[in-house]
PDB file of all heavy atoms in Angstrom:
ATOM      1  N   TYR A   1       0.812  -1.190   0.002  1.00  0.00           N
ATOM      2  CA  TYR A   1      -0.001   0.008   0.005  1.00  0.00           C
ATOM      3  C   TYR A   1       0.872   1.263   0.006  1.00  0.00           C
ATOM      4  O   TYR A   1       0.662   2.195  -0.774  1.00  0.00           O
ATOM      5  CB  TYR A   1      -0.918  -0.022   1.229  1.00  0.00           C
ATOM      6  CG  TYR A   1      -1.880   1.142   1.303  1.00  0.00           C
ATOM      7  CD1 TYR A   1      -3.117   1.090   0.708  1.00  0.00           C
ATOM      8  CD2 TYR A   1      -1.534   2.325   1.983  1.00  0.00           C
ATOM      9  CE1 TYR A   1      -4.026   2.142   0.789  1.00  0.00           C
ATOM     10  CE2 TYR A   1      -2.423   3.391   2.049  1.00  0.00           C
ATOM     11  CZ  TYR A   1      -3.628   3.307   1.459  1.00  0.00           C
ATOM     12  OH  TYR A   1      -4.519   4.350   1.538  1.00  0.00           O
ATOM     13  N   LYS A   2       1.899   1.256   0.845  1.00  0.00           N
ATOM     14  CA  LYS A   2       2.772   2.420   0.947  1.00  0.00           C
ATOM     15  C   LYS A   2       3.515   2.659  -0.345  1.00  0.00           C
ATOM     16  O   LYS A   2       3.654   3.804  -0.807  1.00  0.00           O
ATOM     17  CB  LYS A   2       3.768   2.247   2.088  1.00  0.00           C
ATOM     18  CG  LYS A   2       4.616   3.471   2.378  1.00  0.00           C
ATOM     19  CD  LYS A   2       5.495   3.249   3.607  1.00  0.00           C
ATOM     20  CE  LYS A   2       6.214   4.529   3.977  1.00  0.00           C
ATOM     21  NZ  LYS A   2       7.048   5.085   2.899  1.00  0.00           N
ATOM     22  N   VAL A   3       4.032   1.578  -0.961  1.00  0.00           N
ATOM     23  CA  VAL A   3       4.786   1.716  -2.208  1.00  0.00           C
ATOM     24  C   VAL A   3       3.905   2.341  -3.306  1.00  0.00           C
ATOM     25  O   VAL A   3       4.316   3.250  -4.027  1.00  0.00           O
ATOM     26  CB  VAL A   3       5.333   0.345  -2.674  1.00  0.00           C
ATOM     27  CG1 VAL A   3       5.811   0.400  -4.097  1.00  0.00           C
ATOM     28  CG2 VAL A   3       6.434  -0.108  -1.746  1.00  0.00           C
ATOM     29  N   VAL A   4       2.696   1.818  -3.453  1.00  0.00           N
ATOM     30  CA  VAL A   4       1.809   2.273  -4.515  1.00  0.00           C
ATOM     31  C   VAL A   4       1.353   3.718  -4.273  1.00  0.00           C
ATOM     32  O   VAL A   4       1.332   4.518  -5.192  1.00  0.00           O
ATOM     33  CB  VAL A   4       0.580   1.347  -4.655  1.00  0.00           C
ATOM     34  CG1 VAL A   4      -0.433   1.920  -5.653  1.00  0.00           C
ATOM     35  CG2 VAL A   4       1.022  -0.044  -5.109  1.00  0.00           C
ATOM     36  N   VAL A   5       1.013   4.043  -3.026  1.00  0.00           N
ATOM     37  CA  VAL A   5       0.581   5.406  -2.713  1.00  0.00           C
ATOM     38  C   VAL A   5       1.718   6.381  -2.917  1.00  0.00           C
ATOM     39  O   VAL A   5       1.549   7.458  -3.473  1.00  0.00           O
ATOM     40  CB  VAL A   5       0.066   5.474  -1.258  1.00  0.00           C
ATOM     41  CG1 VAL A   5      -0.146   6.937  -0.822  1.00  0.00           C
ATOM     42  CG2 VAL A   5      -1.259   4.708  -1.139  1.00  0.00           C
ATOM     43  N   ASP A   6       2.944   6.033  -2.474  1.00  0.00           N
ATOM     44  CA  ASP A   6       4.096   6.910  -2.671  1.00  0.00           C
ATOM     45  C   ASP A   6       4.377   7.139  -4.149  1.00  0.00           C
ATOM     46  O   ASP A   6       4.720   8.262  -4.563  1.00  0.00           O
ATOM     47  CB  ASP A   6       5.328   6.334  -1.981  1.00  0.00           C
ATOM     48  CG  ASP A   6       5.279   6.426  -0.463  1.00  0.00           C
ATOM     49  OD1 ASP A   6       4.358   7.144   0.043  1.00  0.00           O
ATOM     50  OD2 ASP A   6       6.107   5.802   0.219  1.00  0.00           O
ATOM     51  N   LYS A   7       4.211   6.078  -4.949  1.00  0.00           N
ATOM     52  CA  LYS A   7       4.463   6.227  -6.390  1.00  0.00           C
ATOM     53  C   LYS A   7       3.409   7.096  -7.048  1.00  0.00           C
ATOM     54  O   LYS A   7       3.690   7.729  -8.087  1.00  0.00           O
ATOM     55  CB  LYS A   7       4.458   4.814  -7.016  1.00  0.00           C
ATOM     56  CG  LYS A   7       4.833   4.800  -8.479  1.00  0.00           C
ATOM     57  CD  LYS A   7       4.897   3.402  -9.029  1.00  0.00           C
ATOM     58  CE  LYS A   7       3.523   2.794  -9.156  1.00  0.00           C
ATOM     59  NZ  LYS A   7       3.538   1.487  -9.851  1.00  0.00           N
ATOM     60  N   SER A   8       2.248   7.148  -6.445  1.00  0.00           N
ATOM     61  CA  SER A   8       1.119   7.907  -7.052  1.00  0.00           C
ATOM     62  C   SER A   8       0.871   9.239  -6.377  1.00  0.00           C
ATOM     63  O   SER A   8      -0.159   9.849  -6.589  1.00  0.00           O
ATOM     64  CB  SER A   8      -0.160   7.037  -6.986  1.00  0.00           C
ATOM     65  OG  SER A   8       0.039   5.758  -7.506  1.00  0.00           O
ATOM     66  N   ILE A   9       1.819   9.695  -5.588  1.00  0.00           N
ATOM     67  CA  ILE A   9       1.564  10.872  -4.737  1.00  0.00           C
ATOM     68  C   ILE A   9       1.234  12.116  -5.553  1.00  0.00           C
ATOM     69  O   ILE A   9       0.337  12.888  -5.196  1.00  0.00           O
ATOM     70  CB  ILE A   9       2.775  11.142  -3.800  1.00  0.00           C
ATOM     71  CG1 ILE A   9       2.405  12.171  -2.760  1.00  0.00           C
ATOM     72  CG2 ILE A   9       4.023  11.546  -4.593  1.00  0.00           C
ATOM     73  CD1 ILE A   9       3.381  12.249  -1.601  1.00  0.00           C
ATOM     74  N   ASP A  10       1.912  12.327  -6.690  1.00  0.00           N
ATOM     75  CA  ASP A  10       1.604  13.505  -7.512  1.00  0.00           C
ATOM     76  C   ASP A  10       0.199  13.436  -8.088  1.00  0.00           C
ATOM     77  O   ASP A  10      -0.533  14.440  -8.136  1.00  0.00           O
ATOM     78  CB  ASP A  10       2.621  13.643  -8.629  1.00  0.00           C
ATOM     79  CG  ASP A  10       4.026  14.008  -8.122  1.00  0.00           C
ATOM     80  OD1 ASP A  10       4.115  14.562  -7.014  1.00  0.00           O
ATOM     81  OD2 ASP A  10       5.008  13.720  -8.816  1.00  0.00           O
ATOM     82  N   THR A  11      -0.184  12.236  -8.524  1.00  0.00           N
ATOM     83  CA  THR A  11      -1.525  12.076  -9.065  1.00  0.00           C
ATOM     84  C   THR A  11      -2.580  12.305  -7.992  1.00  0.00           C
ATOM     85  O   THR A  11      -3.611  12.922  -8.231  1.00  0.00           O
ATOM     86  CB  THR A  11      -1.683  10.644  -9.644  1.00  0.00           C
ATOM     87  OG1 THR A  11      -0.701  10.427 -10.644  1.00  0.00           O
ATOM     88  CG2 THR A  11      -3.084  10.439 -10.204  1.00  0.00           C
ATOM     89  N   LEU A  12      -2.301  11.804  -6.803  1.00  0.00           N
ATOM     90  CA  LEU A  12      -3.264  11.949  -5.687  1.00  0.00           C
ATOM     91  C   LEU A  12      -3.416  13.409  -5.275  1.00  0.00           C
ATOM     92  O   LEU A  12      -4.523  13.876  -5.012  1.00  0.00           O
ATOM     93  CB  LEU A  12      -2.799  11.123  -4.479  1.00  0.00           C
ATOM     94  CG  LEU A  12      -2.867   9.598  -4.671  1.00  0.00           C
ATOM     95  CD1 LEU A  12      -2.195   8.880  -3.545  1.00  0.00           C
ATOM     96  CD2 LEU A  12      -4.306   9.139  -4.839  1.00  0.00           C
ATOM     97  N   ILE A  13      -2.301  14.154  -5.278  1.00  0.00           N
ATOM     98  CA  ILE A  13      -2.359  15.584  -4.969  1.00  0.00           C
ATOM     99  C   ILE A  13      -3.221  16.313  -5.985  1.00  0.00           C
ATOM    100  O   ILE A  13      -4.025  17.187  -5.685  1.00  0.00           O
ATOM    101  CB  ILE A  13      -0.956  16.175  -4.898  1.00  0.00           C
ATOM    102  CG1 ILE A  13      -0.227  15.643  -3.686  1.00  0.00           C
ATOM    103  CG2 ILE A  13      -1.030  17.696  -4.876  1.00  0.00           C
ATOM    104  CD1 ILE A  13       1.253  16.090  -3.594  1.00  0.00           C
ATOM    105  N   ALA A  14      -3.086  15.892  -7.247  1.00  0.00           N
ATOM    106  CA  ALA A  14      -3.814  16.529  -8.350  1.00  0.00           C
ATOM    107  C   ALA A  14      -5.326  16.339  -8.200  1.00  0.00           C
ATOM    108  O   ALA A  14      -6.093  17.225  -8.621  1.00  0.00           O
ATOM    109  CB  ALA A  14      -3.341  15.960  -9.702  1.00  0.00           C
ATOM    110  N   ILE A  15      -5.747  15.254  -7.601  1.00  0.00           N
ATOM    111  CA  ILE A  15      -7.197  15.046  -7.432  1.00  0.00           C
ATOM    112  C   ILE A  15      -7.644  15.362  -6.015  1.00  0.00           C
ATOM    113  O   ILE A  15      -8.795  15.094  -5.627  1.00  0.00           O
ATOM    114  CB  ILE A  15      -7.616  13.595  -7.795  1.00  0.00           C
ATOM    115  CG1 ILE A  15      -6.921  12.557  -6.880  1.00  0.00           C
ATOM    116  CG2 ILE A  15      -7.305  13.309  -9.248  1.00  0.00           C
ATOM    117  CD1 ILE A  15      -7.406  11.143  -7.144  1.00  0.00           C
ATOM    118  N   GLY A  16      -6.768  15.966  -5.220  1.00  0.00           N
ATOM    119  CA  GLY A  16      -7.164  16.529  -3.943  1.00  0.00           C
ATOM    120  C   GLY A  16      -6.906  15.723  -2.706  1.00  0.00           C
ATOM    121  O   GLY A  16      -7.438  16.030  -1.650  1.00  0.00           O
ATOM    122  N   TYR A  17      -6.094  14.655  -2.794  1.00  0.00           N
ATOM    123  CA  TYR A  17      -5.830  13.813  -1.614  1.00  0.00           C
ATOM    124  C   TYR A  17      -4.483  14.129  -0.983  1.00  0.00           C
ATOM    125  O   TYR A  17      -3.468  14.178  -1.680  1.00  0.00           O
ATOM    126  CB  TYR A  17      -5.827  12.311  -1.962  1.00  0.00           C
ATOM    127  CG  TYR A  17      -7.213  11.727  -1.990  1.00  0.00           C
ATOM    128  CD1 TYR A  17      -7.769  11.351  -3.199  1.00  0.00           C
ATOM    129  CD2 TYR A  17      -7.923  11.514  -0.832  1.00  0.00           C
ATOM    130  CE1 TYR A  17      -9.043  10.783  -3.242  1.00  0.00           C
ATOM    131  CE2 TYR A  17      -9.197  10.949  -0.846  1.00  0.00           C
ATOM    132  CZ  TYR A  17      -9.739  10.583  -2.071  1.00  0.00           C
ATOM    133  OH  TYR A  17     -10.996  10.052  -2.091  1.00  0.00           O
ATOM    134  N   ASP A  18      -4.468  14.312   0.333  1.00  0.00           N
ATOM    135  CA  ASP A  18      -3.226  14.437   1.060  1.00  0.00           C
ATOM    136  C   ASP A  18      -2.936  13.078   1.695  1.00  0.00           C
ATOM    137  O   ASP A  18      -3.362  12.786   2.784  1.00  0.00           O
ATOM    138  CB  ASP A  18      -3.334  15.510   2.155  1.00  0.00           C
ATOM    139  CG  ASP A  18      -2.057  15.618   3.003  1.00  0.00           C
ATOM    140  OD1 ASP A  18      -1.047  15.002   2.599  1.00  0.00           O
ATOM    141  OD2 ASP A  18      -2.099  16.285   4.048  1.00  0.00           O
ATOM    142  N   SER A  19      -2.188  12.258   0.973  1.00  0.00           N
ATOM    143  CA  SER A  19      -1.952  10.868   1.423  1.00  0.00           C
ATOM    144  C   SER A  19      -0.967  10.813   2.583  1.00  0.00           C
ATOM    145  O   SER A  19      -0.708   9.743   3.150  1.00  0.00           O
ATOM    146  CB  SER A  19      -1.382  10.033   0.264  1.00  0.00           C
ATOM    147  OG  SER A  19      -0.181  10.565  -0.228  1.00  0.00           O
ATOM    148  N   THR A  20      -0.408  11.979   2.977  1.00  0.00           N
ATOM    149  CA  THR A  20       0.519  11.971   4.112  1.00  0.00           C
ATOM    150  C   THR A  20      -0.204  12.129   5.438  1.00  0.00           C
ATOM    151  O   THR A  20       0.375  11.936   6.494  1.00  0.00           O
ATOM    152  CB  THR A  20       1.539  13.129   4.009  1.00  0.00           C
ATOM    153  OG1 THR A  20       0.851  14.391   4.022  1.00  0.00           O
ATOM    154  CG2 THR A  20       2.328  13.028   2.681  1.00  0.00           C
ATOM    155  N   SER A  21      -1.489  12.443   5.392  1.00  0.00           N
ATOM    156  CA  SER A  21      -2.269  12.609   6.638  1.00  0.00           C
ATOM    157  C   SER A  21      -3.109  11.369   6.890  1.00  0.00           C
ATOM    158  O   SER A  21      -3.462  10.633   5.974  1.00  0.00           O
ATOM    159  CB  SER A  21      -3.208  13.833   6.529  1.00  0.00           C
ATOM    160  OG  SER A  21      -4.285  13.570   5.677  1.00  0.00           O
ATOM    161  N   GLU A  22      -3.434  11.134   8.170  1.00  0.00           N
ATOM    162  CA  GLU A  22      -4.228   9.958   8.519  1.00  0.00           C
ATOM    163  C   GLU A  22      -5.609  10.029   7.898  1.00  0.00           C
ATOM    164  O   GLU A  22      -6.152   9.037   7.378  1.00  0.00           O
ATOM    165  CB  GLU A  22      -4.328   9.824  10.035  1.00  0.00           C
ATOM    166  CG  GLU A  22      -5.104   8.580  10.476  1.00  0.00           C
ATOM    167  CD  GLU A  22      -5.113   8.428  11.990  1.00  0.00           C
ATOM    168  OE1 GLU A  22      -4.542   9.270  12.677  1.00  0.00           O
ATOM    169  OE2 GLU A  22      -5.724   7.454  12.459  1.00  0.00           O
ATOM    170  N   ILE A  23      -6.207  11.227   7.919  1.00  0.00           N
ATOM    171  CA  ILE A  23      -7.526  11.414   7.332  1.00  0.00           C
ATOM    172  C   ILE A  23      -7.492  11.113   5.849  1.00  0.00           C
ATOM    173  O   ILE A  23      -8.373  10.442   5.292  1.00  0.00           O
ATOM    174  CB  ILE A  23      -8.052  12.829   7.589  1.00  0.00           C
ATOM    175  CG1 ILE A  23      -8.275  13.066   9.074  1.00  0.00           C
ATOM    176  CG2 ILE A  23      -9.332  13.097   6.804  1.00  0.00           C
ATOM    177  CD1 ILE A  23      -8.641  14.475   9.447  1.00  0.00           C
ATOM    178  N   GLY A  24      -6.438  11.595   5.189  1.00  0.00           N
ATOM    179  CA  GLY A  24      -6.275  11.346   3.739  1.00  0.00           C
ATOM    180  C   GLY A  24      -6.154   9.864   3.438  1.00  0.00           C
ATOM    181  O   GLY A  24      -6.745   9.366   2.502  1.00  0.00           O
ATOM    182  N   ARG A  25      -5.404   9.122   4.270  1.00  0.00           N
ATOM    183  CA  ARG A  25      -5.217   7.699   4.053  1.00  0.00           C
ATOM    184  C   ARG A  25      -6.554   6.933   4.236  1.00  0.00           C
ATOM    185  O   ARG A  25      -6.847   6.028   3.506  1.00  0.00           O
ATOM    186  CB  ARG A  25      -4.152   7.148   4.991  1.00  0.00           C
ATOM    187  CG  ARG A  25      -2.744   7.582   4.635  1.00  0.00           C
ATOM    188  CD  ARG A  25      -1.713   6.757   5.384  1.00  0.00           C
ATOM    189  NE  ARG A  25      -1.766   6.948   6.825  1.00  0.00           N
ATOM    190  CZ  ARG A  25      -1.123   7.870   7.505  1.00  0.00           C
ATOM    191  NH1 ARG A  25      -0.364   8.753   6.816  1.00  0.00           N
ATOM    192  NH2 ARG A  25      -1.211   7.978   8.798  1.00  0.00           N
ATOM    193  N   ILE A  26      -7.311   7.338   5.269  1.00  0.00           N
ATOM    194  CA  ILE A  26      -8.583   6.653   5.509  1.00  0.00           C
ATOM    195  C   ILE A  26      -9.542   6.914   4.344  1.00  0.00           C
ATOM    196  O   ILE A  26     -10.176   5.956   3.839  1.00  0.00           O
ATOM    197  CB  ILE A  26      -9.211   7.168   6.827  1.00  0.00           C
ATOM    198  CG1 ILE A  26      -8.363   6.711   8.004  1.00  0.00           C
ATOM    199  CG2 ILE A  26     -10.634   6.622   6.979  1.00  0.00           C
ATOM    200  CD1 ILE A  26      -8.841   7.263   9.334  1.00  0.00           C
ATOM    201  N   LYS A  27      -9.685   8.157   3.880  1.00  0.00           N
ATOM    202  CA  LYS A  27     -10.568   8.465   2.778  1.00  0.00           C
ATOM    203  C   LYS A  27     -10.089   7.788   1.499  1.00  0.00           C
ATOM    204  O   LYS A  27     -10.895   7.282   0.718  1.00  0.00           O
ATOM    205  CB  LYS A  27     -10.645   9.993   2.570  1.00  0.00           C
ATOM    206  CG  LYS A  27     -11.464  10.706   3.631  1.00  0.00           C
ATOM    207  CD  LYS A  27     -11.520  12.198   3.393  1.00  0.00           C
ATOM    208  CE  LYS A  27     -12.235  12.510   2.118  1.00  0.00           C
ATOM    209  NZ  LYS A  27     -13.679  12.131   2.142  1.00  0.00           N
ATOM    210  N   LEU A  28      -8.776   7.747   1.299  1.00  0.00           N
ATOM    211  CA  LEU A  28      -8.248   7.112   0.098  1.00  0.00           C
ATOM    212  C   LEU A  28      -8.539   5.646   0.084  1.00  0.00           C
ATOM    213  O   LEU A  28      -8.917   5.052  -0.943  1.00  0.00           O
ATOM    214  CB  LEU A  28      -6.745   7.371  -0.003  1.00  0.00           C
ATOM    215  CG  LEU A  28      -6.006   6.759  -1.212  1.00  0.00           C
ATOM    216  CD1 LEU A  28      -6.613   7.319  -2.501  1.00  0.00           C
ATOM    217  CD2 LEU A  28      -4.532   7.068  -1.119  1.00  0.00           C
ATOM    218  N   LEU A  29      -8.407   4.997   1.260  1.00  0.00           N
ATOM    219  CA  LEU A  29      -8.620   3.572   1.330  1.00  0.00           C
ATOM    220  C   LEU A  29     -10.072   3.226   0.999  1.00  0.00           C
ATOM    221  O   LEU A  29     -10.346   2.203   0.378  1.00  0.00           O
ATOM    222  CB  LEU A  29      -8.300   3.059   2.748  1.00  0.00           C
ATOM    223  CG  LEU A  29      -8.421   1.547   2.931  1.00  0.00           C
ATOM    224  CD1 LEU A  29      -7.450   0.818   2.013  1.00  0.00           C
ATOM    225  CD2 LEU A  29      -8.130   1.170   4.378  1.00  0.00           C
ATOM    226  N   SER A  30     -11.006   4.114   1.381  1.00  0.00           N
ATOM    227  CA  SER A  30     -12.421   3.824   1.074  1.00  0.00           C
ATOM    228  C   SER A  30     -12.685   3.900  -0.424  1.00  0.00           C
ATOM    229  O   SER A  30     -13.682   3.360  -0.892  1.00  0.00           O
ATOM    230  CB  SER A  30     -13.306   4.826   1.813  1.00  0.00           C
ATOM    231  OG  SER A  30     -13.214   6.116   1.285  1.00  0.00           O
ATOM    232  N   GLU A  31     -11.815   4.569  -1.152  1.00  0.00           N
ATOM    233  CA  GLU A  31     -11.959   4.655  -2.614  1.00  0.00           C
ATOM    234  C   GLU A  31     -11.222   3.529  -3.348  1.00  0.00           C
ATOM    235  O   GLU A  31     -11.675   3.061  -4.374  1.00  0.00           O
ATOM    236  CB  GLU A  31     -11.449   6.015  -3.129  1.00  0.00           C
ATOM    237  CG  GLU A  31     -12.133   7.232  -2.519  1.00  0.00           C
ATOM    238  CD  GLU A  31     -13.576   7.374  -2.998  1.00  0.00           C
ATOM    239  OE1 GLU A  31     -14.019   6.563  -3.854  1.00  0.00           O
ATOM    240  OE2 GLU A  31     -14.262   8.284  -2.528  1.00  0.00           O
ATOM    241  N   ILE A  32     -10.075   3.124  -2.776  1.00  0.00           N
ATOM    242  CA  ILE A  32      -9.243   2.130  -3.455  1.00  0.00           C
ATOM    243  C   ILE A  32      -9.911   0.743  -3.451  1.00  0.00           C
ATOM    244  O   ILE A  32      -9.670  -0.065  -4.334  1.00  0.00           O
ATOM    245  CB  ILE A  32      -7.821   2.102  -2.845  1.00  0.00           C
ATOM    246  CG1 ILE A  32      -7.097   3.357  -3.203  1.00  0.00           C
ATOM    247  CG2 ILE A  32      -7.042   0.875  -3.321  1.00  0.00           C
ATOM    248  CD1 ILE A  32      -5.671   3.421  -2.699  1.00  0.00           C
ATOM    249  N   ARG A  33     -10.745   0.460  -2.451  1.00  0.00           N
ATOM    250  CA  ARG A  33     -11.506  -0.802  -2.433  1.00  0.00           C
ATOM    251  C   ARG A  33     -10.588  -2.027  -2.331  1.00  0.00           C
ATOM    252  O   ARG A  33     -10.620  -2.907  -3.174  1.00  0.00           O
ATOM    253  CB  ARG A  33     -12.405  -0.952  -3.655  1.00  0.00           C
ATOM    254  CG  ARG A  33     -13.281   0.235  -3.999  1.00  0.00           C
ATOM    255  CD  ARG A  33     -14.429   0.374  -2.987  1.00  0.00           C
ATOM    256  NE  ARG A  33     -15.516   1.187  -3.536  1.00  0.00           N
ATOM    257  CZ  ARG A  33     -15.657   2.481  -3.346  1.00  0.00           C
ATOM    258  NH1 ARG A  33     -14.773   3.100  -2.612  1.00  0.00           N
ATOM    259  NH2 ARG A  33     -16.657   3.135  -3.859  1.00  0.00           N
ATOM    260  N   LEU A  34      -9.795  -2.082  -1.290  1.00  0.00           N
ATOM    261  CA  LEU A  34      -8.874  -3.215  -1.154  1.00  0.00           C
ATOM    262  C   LEU A  34      -9.580  -4.541  -0.972  1.00  0.00           C
ATOM    263  O   LEU A  34      -8.978  -5.598  -1.137  1.00  0.00           O
ATOM    264  CB  LEU A  34      -7.930  -2.980   0.030  1.00  0.00           C
ATOM    265  CG  LEU A  34      -6.847  -1.935  -0.183  1.00  0.00           C
ATOM    266  CD1 LEU A  34      -5.974  -1.814   1.065  1.00  0.00           C
ATOM    267  CD2 LEU A  34      -5.971  -2.296  -1.359  1.00  0.00           C
ATOM    268  N   TYR A  35     -10.866  -4.499  -0.634  1.00  0.00           N
ATOM    269  CA  TYR A  35     -11.586  -5.772  -0.477  1.00  0.00           C
ATOM    270  C   TYR A  35     -11.716  -6.521  -1.803  1.00  0.00           C
ATOM    271  O   TYR A  35     -12.158  -7.659  -1.833  1.00  0.00           O
ATOM    272  CB  TYR A  35     -12.975  -5.568   0.156  1.00  0.00           C
ATOM    273  CG  TYR A  35     -13.869  -4.620  -0.570  1.00  0.00           C
ATOM    274  CD1 TYR A  35     -14.610  -5.031  -1.660  1.00  0.00           C
ATOM    275  CD2 TYR A  35     -14.006  -3.295  -0.147  1.00  0.00           C
ATOM    276  CE1 TYR A  35     -15.450  -4.170  -2.330  1.00  0.00           C
ATOM    277  CE2 TYR A  35     -14.829  -2.425  -0.799  1.00  0.00           C
ATOM    278  CZ  TYR A  35     -15.567  -2.860  -1.897  1.00  0.00           C
ATOM    279  OH  TYR A  35     -16.422  -1.968  -2.543  1.00  0.00           O
TER     280      TYR A  35
END
C-alpha cells in the first residue's frame, strides 16, 4: 500500500488527496477498495 501510494503521490495531490495525513489515508482507502 505504501509503495503504490508513494508512487502515485503527484496524481493523488492533483485530485485533492493528502496521502501523508491519517484522514487522507482513511478516505483514500475507502476509494481504493482493497476488499
